Protein backbone atom coordinates (compact mmCIF):
# COMPACT_ATOMS: atom_id res chain seq x y z
CA UNK A 1 0.00 0.00 0.00
CA UNK A 2 2.74 2.40 1.00
CA UNK A 3 4.84 1.36 -2.01
CA UNK A 4 1.91 2.14 -4.31
CA UNK A 5 1.53 5.58 -2.73
CA UNK A 6 5.27 6.12 -3.08
CA UNK A 7 5.08 5.33 -6.80
CA UNK A 8 2.15 7.72 -7.21
CA UNK A 9 4.10 10.51 -5.51
CA UNK A 10 7.12 9.80 -7.68
CA UNK A 11 4.98 10.06 -10.82
CA UNK A 12 3.61 13.38 -9.51
CA UNK A 13 7.14 14.61 -8.82
CA UNK A 14 8.30 13.53 -12.29
CA UNK A 15 5.28 15.11 -14.00
CA UNK A 16 5.85 18.46 -12.28
CA UNK A 17 9.54 18.33 -13.13
CA UNK A 18 9.04 17.47 -16.78
CA UNK A 19 6.11 19.82 -17.37
CA UNK A 20 7.13 22.83 -15.25
CA UNK A 21 10.81 22.16 -14.63
CA UNK A 22 12.14 24.84 -16.94
CA UNK A 23 9.86 27.59 -15.60
CA UNK A 24 10.74 26.59 -12.03
CA UNK A 25 14.41 26.78 -13.02
CA UNK A 26 13.90 30.35 -14.29
CA UNK A 27 12.23 31.40 -11.03
CA UNK A 28 14.86 29.73 -8.82
CA UNK A 29 17.84 31.04 -10.77
CA UNK A 30 16.52 34.60 -11.07
CA UNK A 31 15.84 34.71 -7.32
CA UNK A 32 19.31 33.35 -6.62
CA UNK A 33 20.95 36.01 -8.77
CA UNK A 34 18.72 38.74 -7.30
CA UNK A 35 19.97 37.84 -3.81
CA UNK A 36 23.31 39.40 -4.77
CA UNK A 37 21.90 41.93 -7.23
CA UNK A 38 23.41 44.93 -5.40
CA UNK A 39 26.85 43.34 -5.40
CA UNK A 40 26.58 42.45 -9.08
CA UNK A 41 25.58 46.03 -9.88
CA UNK A 42 28.54 47.29 -7.86
CA UNK A 43 30.82 44.92 -9.77
CA UNK A 44 29.45 45.87 -13.20
CA UNK A 45 29.25 49.64 -12.81
CA UNK A 46 32.34 51.50 -11.57
CA UNK A 47 30.28 54.66 -11.15
CA UNK A 48 28.44 52.96 -8.27
CA UNK A 49 31.61 52.60 -6.20
CA UNK A 50 33.21 55.03 -3.75
CA UNK A 51 36.89 55.45 -3.05
CA UNK A 52 38.14 54.41 0.39
CA UNK A 53 38.21 57.26 2.87
CA UNK A 54 41.43 58.76 4.09
CA UNK A 55 42.50 57.85 7.60
CA UNK A 56 40.59 59.78 10.22
CA UNK A 57 38.02 61.21 7.80
CA UNK A 58 34.48 60.80 9.14
CA UNK A 59 31.57 60.02 6.79
CA UNK A 60 29.44 62.87 5.54
CA UNK A 61 26.43 63.75 7.64
CA UNK A 62 22.80 63.34 6.64
CA UNK A 63 22.28 67.09 6.42
CA UNK A 64 25.37 67.55 4.28
CA UNK A 65 24.17 64.91 1.81
CA UNK A 66 20.74 66.55 1.72
CA UNK A 67 22.15 70.01 1.10
CA UNK A 68 24.57 68.92 -1.63
CA UNK A 69 21.85 67.08 -3.55
CA UNK A 70 19.42 69.98 -3.10
CA UNK A 71 22.02 72.36 -4.49
CA UNK A 72 22.73 70.08 -7.47
CA UNK A 73 19.01 69.64 -8.23
CA UNK A 74 17.31 72.87 -7.10
CA UNK A 75 14.05 72.16 -8.93
CA UNK A 76 13.65 68.64 -7.53
CA UNK A 77 12.02 67.44 -4.32
CA UNK A 78 14.06 65.08 -2.17
CA UNK A 79 12.00 62.05 -1.22
CA UNK A 80 14.38 59.60 0.46
CA UNK A 81 17.98 59.44 1.69
CA UNK A 82 19.58 56.01 2.07
CA UNK A 83 22.88 55.42 3.83
CA UNK A 84 25.64 53.59 1.99
CA UNK A 85 25.33 49.83 2.63
CA UNK A 86 29.11 49.33 2.74
CA UNK A 87 32.42 51.22 2.95
CA UNK A 88 33.00 51.08 -0.82
CA UNK A 89 29.36 51.73 -1.78
CA UNK A 90 27.48 54.96 -2.38
CA UNK A 91 24.63 56.55 -0.51
CA UNK A 92 21.50 57.11 -2.58
CA UNK A 93 18.98 59.93 -2.69
CA UNK A 94 15.63 59.60 -4.46
CA UNK A 95 14.35 62.83 -5.99
CA UNK A 96 11.24 63.81 -7.91
CA UNK A 97 11.97 66.19 -10.79
CA UNK A 98 9.49 68.50 -12.54
CA UNK A 99 7.24 66.35 -14.68
CA UNK A 100 6.94 63.65 -12.03
CA UNK A 101 9.92 61.43 -12.88
CA UNK A 102 11.76 59.84 -9.97
CA UNK A 103 15.53 59.56 -10.23
CA UNK A 104 18.22 58.15 -7.98
CA UNK A 105 21.23 60.29 -7.20
CA UNK A 106 24.30 58.32 -6.03
CA UNK A 107 26.27 60.25 -3.43
CA UNK A 108 29.82 59.69 -2.19
CA UNK A 109 29.36 58.83 1.51
CA UNK A 110 32.64 60.53 2.51
CA UNK A 111 32.56 63.78 0.54
CA UNK A 112 28.77 64.06 -0.05
CA UNK A 113 29.53 64.74 -3.71
CA UNK A 114 26.52 63.83 -5.91
CA UNK A 115 27.14 61.65 -8.96
CA UNK A 116 25.02 61.87 -12.14
CA UNK A 117 21.41 60.99 -11.47
CA UNK A 118 20.10 57.70 -12.76
CA UNK A 119 16.77 57.22 -14.53
CA UNK A 120 15.18 53.81 -14.77
CA UNK A 121 16.10 50.55 -13.13
CA UNK A 122 19.59 49.53 -12.15
CA UNK A 123 20.70 45.91 -12.40
CA UNK A 124 19.66 45.01 -8.84
CA UNK A 125 16.12 46.36 -9.28
CA UNK A 126 15.91 44.87 -12.77
CA UNK A 127 16.71 41.36 -11.48
CA UNK A 128 14.35 41.66 -8.54
CA UNK A 129 11.41 42.74 -10.68
CA UNK A 130 12.16 39.94 -13.16
CA UNK A 131 12.12 37.37 -10.35
CA UNK A 132 9.03 38.82 -8.70
CA UNK A 133 6.76 39.02 -11.72
CA UNK A 134 8.67 38.14 -14.92
CA UNK A 135 7.80 41.66 -16.05
CA UNK A 136 4.20 40.61 -16.67
CA UNK A 137 2.31 43.87 -16.21
CA UNK A 138 -1.37 43.76 -15.30
CA UNK A 139 -2.32 46.55 -17.72
CA UNK A 140 -0.92 44.53 -20.64
CA UNK A 141 -1.12 40.85 -19.68
CA UNK A 142 -4.44 41.23 -17.85
CA UNK A 143 -2.95 39.92 -14.60
CA UNK A 144 0.03 40.62 -12.39
CA UNK A 145 3.06 38.41 -12.94
CA UNK A 146 3.32 37.70 -9.20
CA UNK A 147 0.25 35.51 -9.59
CA UNK A 148 2.22 33.26 -11.96
CA UNK A 149 5.42 33.24 -9.91
CA UNK A 150 3.56 32.77 -6.63
CA UNK A 151 1.45 29.91 -8.00
CA UNK A 152 4.64 28.18 -9.12
CA UNK A 153 5.64 28.22 -5.44
CA UNK A 154 2.89 25.65 -4.90
CA UNK A 155 4.30 23.50 -7.71
CA UNK A 156 7.80 23.70 -6.22
CA UNK A 157 6.52 22.84 -2.75
CA UNK A 158 4.56 19.86 -4.06
CA UNK A 159 7.53 18.63 -6.10
CA UNK A 160 9.88 18.88 -3.11
CA UNK A 161 7.57 17.08 -0.70
CA UNK A 162 6.49 14.40 -3.19
CA UNK A 163 10.09 13.79 -4.22
CA UNK A 164 11.23 13.47 -0.60
CA UNK A 165 8.50 11.01 0.40
CA UNK A 166 9.01 8.91 -2.72
CA UNK A 167 12.69 8.26 -1.87
CA UNK A 168 13.37 5.21 0.28
CA UNK A 169 15.79 6.09 3.09
CA UNK A 170 15.90 9.65 1.85
CA UNK A 171 18.60 10.66 4.33
CA UNK A 172 21.12 8.65 2.32
CA UNK A 173 20.69 11.15 -0.50
CA UNK A 174 22.71 13.66 1.55
CA UNK A 175 25.92 11.74 0.84
CA UNK A 176 25.18 9.27 -1.99
CA UNK A 177 26.73 10.19 -5.34
CA UNK A 178 27.69 7.16 -7.41
CA UNK A 179 30.48 8.22 -9.76
CA UNK A 180 31.82 6.03 -12.56
CA UNK A 181 28.99 3.49 -12.75
CA UNK A 182 26.65 5.11 -15.26
CA UNK A 183 25.63 8.60 -16.30
CA UNK A 184 21.99 7.92 -15.40
CA UNK A 185 22.88 6.93 -11.82
CA UNK A 186 25.17 9.93 -11.41
CA UNK A 187 22.61 12.51 -12.55
CA UNK A 188 19.84 10.82 -10.59
CA UNK A 189 21.96 10.87 -7.42
CA UNK A 190 22.97 14.48 -8.04
CA UNK A 191 19.32 15.45 -8.52
CA UNK A 192 18.39 13.87 -5.19
CA UNK A 193 21.42 15.19 -3.34
CA UNK A 194 20.88 18.79 -4.40
CA UNK A 195 17.18 18.49 -3.62
CA UNK A 196 17.58 17.22 -0.05
CA UNK A 197 20.36 19.70 0.76
CA UNK A 198 18.16 22.60 -0.38
CA UNK A 199 14.90 21.12 0.95
CA UNK A 200 14.39 23.30 4.05
CA UNK A 201 15.14 26.59 2.30
CA UNK A 202 13.17 25.43 -0.75
CA UNK A 203 10.10 24.99 1.45
CA UNK A 204 10.62 28.49 2.91
CA UNK A 205 10.87 29.95 -0.58
CA UNK A 206 7.71 28.12 -1.66
CA UNK A 207 5.65 29.21 1.34
CA UNK A 208 6.70 32.86 1.06
CA UNK A 209 6.03 32.70 -2.69
CA UNK A 210 2.49 31.55 -1.91
CA UNK A 211 2.17 34.47 0.50
CA UNK A 212 3.07 36.89 -2.31
CA UNK A 213 0.45 35.16 -4.47
CA UNK A 214 -2.19 35.68 -1.78
CA UNK A 215 -1.16 39.32 -1.29
CA UNK A 216 -1.45 40.07 -4.99
CA UNK A 217 -4.65 38.13 -5.57
CA UNK A 218 -6.49 39.71 -2.63
CA UNK A 219 -5.13 43.16 -3.44
CA UNK A 220 -6.77 42.76 -6.86
CA UNK A 221 -10.16 42.53 -5.16
CA UNK A 222 -9.49 45.35 -2.69
CA UNK A 223 -8.27 43.36 0.32
CA UNK A 224 -4.96 44.62 1.73
CA UNK A 225 -2.86 41.99 3.51
CA UNK A 226 0.27 44.15 3.69
CA UNK A 227 -1.30 46.85 5.82
CA UNK A 228 0.93 49.71 6.85
CA UNK A 229 -0.11 51.38 10.13
CA UNK A 230 -0.98 55.06 9.55
CA UNK A 231 1.67 57.65 10.29
CA UNK A 232 0.97 60.31 12.90
CA UNK A 233 0.16 63.70 11.43
CA UNK A 234 2.15 66.80 12.22
CA UNK A 235 0.34 69.42 14.32
CA UNK A 236 -1.34 72.26 12.46
CA UNK A 237 1.13 74.84 13.80
CA UNK A 238 4.07 73.18 12.00
CA UNK A 239 2.34 71.60 9.02
CA UNK A 240 2.81 74.38 6.51
CA UNK A 241 5.96 73.35 4.65
CA UNK A 242 6.70 69.76 3.65
CA UNK A 243 10.45 70.46 3.47
CA UNK A 244 12.53 69.28 6.45
CA UNK A 245 13.43 72.31 8.53
CA UNK A 246 15.20 70.64 11.42
CA UNK A 247 18.85 69.63 11.06
CA UNK A 248 18.86 65.98 10.01
CA UNK A 249 21.98 65.08 11.98
CA UNK A 250 20.41 66.41 15.17
CA UNK A 251 17.21 64.55 14.38
CA UNK A 252 19.13 61.28 13.97
CA UNK A 253 21.02 61.87 17.21
CA UNK A 254 17.77 62.52 19.07
CA UNK A 255 16.12 59.42 17.61
CA UNK A 256 19.06 57.18 18.49
CA UNK A 257 19.07 58.53 22.03
CA UNK A 258 15.37 57.64 22.35
CA UNK A 259 15.67 54.31 20.48
CA UNK A 260 19.27 53.12 21.09
CA UNK A 261 18.81 49.78 19.31
CA UNK A 262 17.93 51.49 16.02
CA UNK A 263 20.57 52.02 13.32
CA UNK A 264 19.14 54.64 10.98
CA UNK A 265 19.56 53.62 7.34
CA UNK A 266 16.75 55.49 5.60
CA UNK A 267 15.19 58.90 6.07
CA UNK A 268 11.95 59.52 4.18
CA UNK A 269 11.17 63.21 3.86
CA UNK A 270 7.60 64.53 4.02
CA UNK A 271 5.81 64.05 0.72
CA UNK A 272 3.08 66.58 1.58
CA UNK A 273 2.22 69.15 4.26
CA UNK A 274 1.31 67.56 7.56
CA UNK A 275 3.44 64.49 6.98
CA UNK A 276 6.36 63.65 9.31
CA UNK A 277 9.94 62.66 8.72
CA UNK A 278 10.21 58.86 8.93
CA UNK A 279 13.42 57.17 10.00
CA UNK A 280 13.81 53.40 9.58
CA UNK A 281 16.52 50.78 9.98
CA UNK A 282 17.48 47.57 11.77
CA UNK A 283 17.10 47.24 15.53
CA UNK A 284 16.89 44.34 17.97
CA UNK A 285 14.06 42.40 16.26
CA UNK A 286 15.17 39.42 14.20
CA UNK A 287 14.11 38.55 10.65
CA UNK A 288 12.15 41.69 9.78
CA UNK A 289 12.44 44.37 7.14
CA UNK A 290 14.20 47.57 8.12
CA UNK A 291 10.97 49.49 7.70
CA UNK A 292 9.42 47.47 10.56
CA UNK A 293 11.35 49.72 12.97
CA UNK A 294 9.95 53.18 12.42
CA UNK A 295 10.30 56.56 14.09
CA UNK A 296 8.15 59.53 13.03
CA UNK A 297 9.53 63.01 13.68
CA UNK A 298 8.14 66.51 13.32
CA UNK A 299 10.16 67.94 10.39
CA UNK A 300 10.15 71.48 11.75
CA UNK A 301 10.94 70.98 15.42
CA UNK A 302 12.62 67.57 15.42
CA UNK A 303 10.23 66.37 18.12
CA UNK A 304 9.60 62.63 18.12
CA UNK A 305 5.97 61.87 17.34
CA UNK A 306 6.04 58.06 17.39
CA UNK A 307 8.44 55.19 18.01
CA UNK A 308 7.26 51.86 16.58
CA UNK A 309 9.75 49.03 17.11
CA UNK A 310 9.16 45.72 15.34
CA UNK A 311 9.07 43.99 18.72
CA UNK A 312 5.78 45.79 19.44
CA UNK A 313 4.04 44.34 16.37
CA UNK A 314 1.41 41.63 16.65
CA UNK A 315 1.92 38.17 15.20
CA UNK A 316 0.25 38.96 11.88
CA UNK A 317 2.03 42.29 11.30
CA UNK A 318 5.30 40.69 12.33
CA UNK A 319 4.82 37.99 9.68
CA UNK A 320 4.13 40.66 7.04
CA UNK A 321 7.49 42.24 7.85
CA UNK A 322 9.21 38.82 7.97
CA UNK A 323 8.23 37.36 4.58
CA UNK A 324 10.73 39.40 2.52
CA UNK A 325 13.83 38.71 4.68
CA UNK A 326 12.90 35.02 4.76
CA UNK A 327 12.41 34.85 1.01
CA UNK A 328 15.69 36.54 0.08
CA UNK A 329 17.75 35.53 3.11
CA UNK A 330 18.65 39.10 4.04
CA UNK A 331 17.97 38.72 7.76
CA UNK A 332 21.48 37.59 8.72
CA UNK A 333 23.63 39.82 6.55
CA UNK A 334 26.17 38.31 4.20
CA UNK A 335 26.20 34.88 5.89
CA UNK A 336 22.48 34.19 5.45
CA UNK A 337 22.51 35.53 1.89
CA UNK A 338 25.36 33.17 1.00
CA UNK A 339 23.38 30.23 2.42
CA UNK A 340 20.26 31.27 0.50
CA UNK A 341 22.30 31.74 -2.67
CA UNK A 342 23.84 28.26 -2.34
CA UNK A 343 20.39 26.78 -1.74
CA UNK A 344 19.04 28.57 -4.80
CA UNK A 345 21.92 27.25 -6.89
CA UNK A 346 21.23 23.76 -5.54
CA UNK A 347 17.55 24.00 -6.48
CA UNK A 348 18.37 25.35 -9.94
CA UNK A 349 21.08 22.75 -10.51
CA UNK A 350 18.88 19.97 -9.13
CA UNK A 351 16.15 20.83 -11.63
CA UNK A 352 18.62 20.70 -14.53
CA UNK A 353 20.10 17.44 -13.23
CA UNK A 354 16.62 15.90 -13.10
CA UNK A 355 15.81 17.04 -16.63
CA UNK A 356 19.10 15.70 -17.98
CA UNK A 357 18.45 12.42 -16.18
CA UNK A 358 15.10 12.23 -17.97
CA UNK A 359 16.93 12.82 -21.27
CA UNK A 360 19.25 9.90 -20.54
CA UNK A 361 16.33 7.63 -19.69
CA UNK A 362 14.89 8.34 -23.12
CA UNK A 363 18.20 7.22 -24.59
CA UNK A 364 17.64 3.75 -23.14
CA UNK A 365 16.35 1.11 -25.60
CA UNK A 366 12.82 1.19 -24.18
CA UNK A 367 12.86 4.96 -24.26
CA UNK A 368 13.88 5.00 -27.93
CA UNK A 369 11.07 2.61 -28.81
CA UNK A 370 8.56 4.87 -27.09
CA UNK A 371 9.90 7.95 -28.87
CA UNK A 372 9.36 6.45 -32.34
CA UNK A 373 6.37 5.33 -34.34
CA UNK A 374 2.77 6.03 -33.47
CA UNK A 375 3.40 6.87 -29.80
CA UNK A 376 5.24 10.02 -30.77
CA UNK A 377 2.40 11.17 -32.96
CA UNK A 378 -0.18 10.66 -30.22
CA UNK A 379 1.95 12.67 -27.76
CA UNK A 380 2.47 15.64 -30.07
CA UNK A 381 -0.52 17.59 -28.73
CA UNK A 382 0.41 17.19 -25.02
CA UNK A 383 3.97 18.23 -25.83
CA UNK A 384 2.77 21.38 -27.57
CA UNK A 385 0.45 22.09 -24.64
CA UNK A 386 3.47 21.92 -22.32
CA UNK A 387 6.02 23.82 -24.38
CA UNK A 388 3.86 26.61 -25.82
CA UNK A 389 2.83 28.29 -22.51
CA UNK A 390 6.44 28.28 -21.29
CA UNK A 391 7.74 29.85 -24.49
CA UNK A 392 4.96 32.45 -24.51
CA UNK A 393 5.69 33.21 -20.86
CA UNK A 394 9.38 33.77 -21.55
CA UNK A 395 8.59 35.84 -24.65
CA UNK A 396 6.30 38.04 -22.54
CA UNK A 397 9.05 38.35 -19.89
CA UNK A 398 11.61 39.44 -22.50
CA UNK A 399 9.18 41.95 -24.02
CA UNK A 400 8.21 43.33 -20.61
CA UNK A 401 11.86 43.57 -19.56
CA UNK A 402 12.53 45.83 -22.52
CA UNK A 403 9.28 47.78 -22.61
CA UNK A 404 8.97 48.41 -18.86
CA UNK A 405 12.49 47.89 -17.59
CA UNK A 406 14.21 50.04 -20.22
CA UNK A 407 12.00 52.09 -22.55
CA UNK A 408 9.23 53.15 -20.16
CA UNK A 409 11.80 54.06 -17.50
CA UNK A 410 13.39 56.78 -19.61
CA UNK A 411 12.73 60.30 -18.34
CA UNK A 412 10.10 62.41 -20.04
CA UNK A 413 12.00 65.67 -19.63
CA UNK A 414 15.53 66.77 -20.35
CA UNK A 415 18.08 64.07 -19.65
CA UNK A 416 21.27 66.11 -19.50
CA UNK A 417 23.75 64.47 -17.15
CA UNK A 418 21.37 61.57 -16.43
CA UNK A 419 22.50 57.99 -16.79
CA UNK A 420 19.99 55.96 -18.81
CA UNK A 421 19.76 52.21 -18.66
CA UNK A 422 22.49 49.82 -17.58
CA UNK A 423 26.22 50.37 -17.80
CA UNK A 424 28.21 48.15 -20.15
CA UNK A 425 29.40 46.02 -17.23
CA UNK A 426 25.84 45.52 -15.98
CA UNK A 427 24.83 44.70 -19.55
CA UNK A 428 27.45 41.95 -19.71
CA UNK A 429 26.21 40.45 -16.44
CA UNK A 430 22.63 40.58 -17.72
CA UNK A 431 23.70 38.92 -20.99
CA UNK A 432 25.32 36.05 -19.07
CA UNK A 433 22.13 35.68 -17.05
CA UNK A 434 20.14 35.56 -20.29
CA UNK A 435 22.37 32.78 -21.65
CA UNK A 436 21.86 30.80 -18.46
CA UNK A 437 18.13 30.98 -19.18
CA UNK A 438 18.26 30.41 -22.94
CA UNK A 439 20.49 27.32 -23.14
CA UNK A 440 18.36 25.19 -20.76
CA UNK A 441 15.23 26.31 -22.64
CA UNK A 442 16.58 24.75 -25.84
CA UNK A 443 17.39 21.51 -24.04
CA UNK A 444 14.01 21.41 -22.29
CA UNK A 445 12.11 21.93 -25.57
CA UNK A 446 14.12 19.11 -27.17
CA UNK A 447 13.38 16.90 -24.17
CA UNK A 448 9.64 17.55 -24.54
CA UNK A 449 9.83 16.72 -28.25
CA UNK A 450 11.39 13.34 -27.44
CA UNK A 451 8.91 12.32 -24.76
């Protein structure tokens, strides 16, 4: 009885792998690459790097960065100031220029010197959007791409669980890799080994992917799962000017004195009269987004209006702030991101190993007999039904990447001194990523044609 159930689960695992394996590979690989998107952008674009500071030179202050950017862009409104994530990285300031375009201004964290503003998506944002929704835009495709990617989380979860249960003595897969006996055994063992080593993180990725699916689906019908608590309003006496009047360095010092566990990384300036300054960053709560720790400040007087640490959130709101760090492995700094990246590579490689193992099985005598004659003709329609949606999905992703990641992101006004699109180094990295997606697609289509 149990053996029959095991065989049924194995068939389910194999069906998901053969039918959806390539699309799952795209999702897993793009998420893996996006985990280190900022580092890849730093590597590919020298203009995103800062020079090391001279000995004894302190970093530029928040107010100095604000003033230098305001002087360089007098007609723009400063929306957000982000601290540099590392000693060789740049701070970033988001500004809104006349006409409504939003641009990012890189700033040297030591001298506060603004670099040329950037319009459109950088490599890190490009990769993240691709992973999140495959650039399927609701206004064009009729649905949000997160619905596709999130639903595939269910397929990945089912494949992982069914594959695990269908393996007898599954724990042996952690160390079993039979080399030199036959290619089929090697690729089968590698498929199982990579799957069990990445199993726990694969389940986390699947569950959080399903959460994103639920968020997007319910948001489409007007139900907000990711609910942001309202900000306190500034009193009427000081609500006249949305510009920050208080010195930002003094504001940060006051906030850190009141909330010592907080490390301020972002300062959001008031977007309209009556809105406060909002300071966010990591504190003493584990596995939450930086924005979960929030301090609202009167922009004119610097008085603290609200302190909301993540530790004060309820269970539901805490989960909302936890899903992103769990999905991308950002909660533990570089160490957790490396683990998540290795798990993503294991999942991606395990999928390819399973597909290549299926190719080798078709090379067996019985497989060749099934791939010839009338059987092949009868299977032509199911093969087309499998391959066509995947190809159309990737074609839509490529079109959306260009139309909404490049063309639509160009500024509507004058672009003097504005960097458009990706640098040549980022373009090379993106081209390598595209090859990693294209080559397996060719092999997967050929595999479907042989089934």
